[in-house]
Amino acid sequence: MADLSRFFVASSLAVSVVVFLLLGFRRRRPSLKLPPGPAGWPFVGNLFQIAFAGKPMIHLVRDLRLRYGPIFTLRMGVRTLIVVTSPELVHEALIEKGQLFASRPAESTIRAVFSCDKFTVNSAVYGPEWRSLRRNMVSGMLSASRLREFHPARVSAMDRFVQRLRAEAEANGGAVWVLRNARFAVFAILLSMTFGVTLEEDEIVRIDEMMKRVLLCISPRMDDYLPFLGPFYAKHQRKVLQVRKEQVETVTALINRRRAILNDRRIEPHAAPFSYLDSLLDLKVDGRDCAPSEPQLVTLCSEFINGGTDTTSTAIEWAMARIIDNPNIQAKLHEEIVATVGDRPVDDRDIEKLTYLQAFVKELLRKHPPTYFSLTHAAVELAKLGGYDIPPDANLELFLPTISEDPRLWSNPLEFNPDRFITGGEAADITGSAGIRMIPFGAGRRICPGLAMGTTHIGLMVARMVQAFEWQLHPSEPKLDFMDKVEFTIVMKRRLLALVKPRN
């Protein structure tokens, strides 16, 4: 939004004034007591004030919190955003009143295309359909027993990951781009888990590029907030439909390949015995009288892949930046790995034994959650939160950094210090069930079902990277800073270029 031209803004304002005069003031419910917030303009609300505030929304929230308190309202065109920034209010919403705030708001037109009208675990409204989809994902794919079945796939992906890092370093004088390699490794694991097939590197890269285009398509646009601007985005709408067509064709080919394997295992003898897709082919969803359609299968498979790729790979880049920034952390991690595992490669079964590594991952997720806003919640009916009214058509946005950096909950909260989680130090239940202190995966009924898988993959990748190489900042790079920006997840503003040296 911040990149809109002044001409476009002026044109939009002119059109909005005309529409405002034609339609009159939007009817508001005077009986509702919404949280306080900045006064907005007619019809567009706070939309342009936020867009041209001079800083991104993830940084602006802290300023608004100081002025309006821990819960405030932003009117963004046709949408009302209610932003929550305190652990007490998040606990009230997700734990005390979890059922009331367990739904999702209306999708934008573009997101509805890619979610098959909210037919995904993350986007479905609270009800029988969501319960069916979530239950299948958790019990059929993300249970401890199922995750153990994919141990060989993780071993293979980690070996390939280390080989890629080594080859890139050898070809570039020790230089490696962290995020790009981490993303490839995570994507390869999730592809294998989703379809149970082995893919060549160029196939993985091609599919990954397609999925990136999908994520770019669903980024928020001005017409999400001002629908009457839709005609100005007709070209983009056509592009969206073309990307969706490409997504359906690409993923359907993998679906058909898996179907063929299930009919005749001799086609690919080394294919995984089970995949997420297998659980979806004949899935009975409450409220529906048939199994998911082909486009719905594409959507559910894509959700599983996209939901874990960017979040995990982003965490890895932040992790290696912290390891490079503090050689003492790197030394402690390596010493623990050597003492516990020895010379063989670390695998996911070792993670629970690596106490300092687990503390490091917790501190990583405290300081660098994959997103600063938890996935948007919505009330299933008119509800109260902090004494204010929350209408069911409002977006309830939960801001995480002010919780995980709350000095009432944490000692030296701005310091990155894994030792705070070592026995006798501070505690944190990242599920939020024992109290809201840090919830990088959300909390309550809509907590991310991939929590265990995500933390396992982060710990495993960090361990393999530290075990195989010594890490430093590349000498061509300026001093490390930890500025952030939004690219679907929260990423480092400057990509991390590292210098690695293979360990003996």
Foldseek 3Di string as FASTA:
>chain_A
DLPDDPVVVVVVVVVQVVVCVVVDADDDDVVFFFQAFDAQDGQQFCAVVQSNVPDHPLVVVVVRCVVRNQWHWTQGRPAIEIEGEAQVLLCCDCPVVNQQWVFAFAAFPLVCLLCVNQQELQHHGPDQQNVLRLVCCQVVDVDPVNVVLLQVQLVVLLVVLLVVQVVVCVVPVQKDFQLVSLLLSLLSSLVCQAQQDHDDSVLSVVLVVLLLVSLVLRDDDSCSNVVVCVVVCVVSVVVSVVSLVVLLVSVVVSVVVSVVCVVPVVVPVNGRPDHSLVSQPFRDGPPDDGGDDSSNSSSHSSCSSVVQRQQQSQLLQLLLLVCQVDVVLLVLLQVLCCVQPNQDADGLVCLVVRQLLLLLLVLSCLQFQQAQWARWIFGPAFDDTPNGTGGRNHTHTYGFNSQSQPVVQDPPSVDRDSCQPPPPHHDDDCQCPVGRRGPSQRHHPSGNSCVVVSSSSNSSNVSRVSNFWDKHAPPVDDDDDADWDDDVTIHRPDGGIIRIDTDD
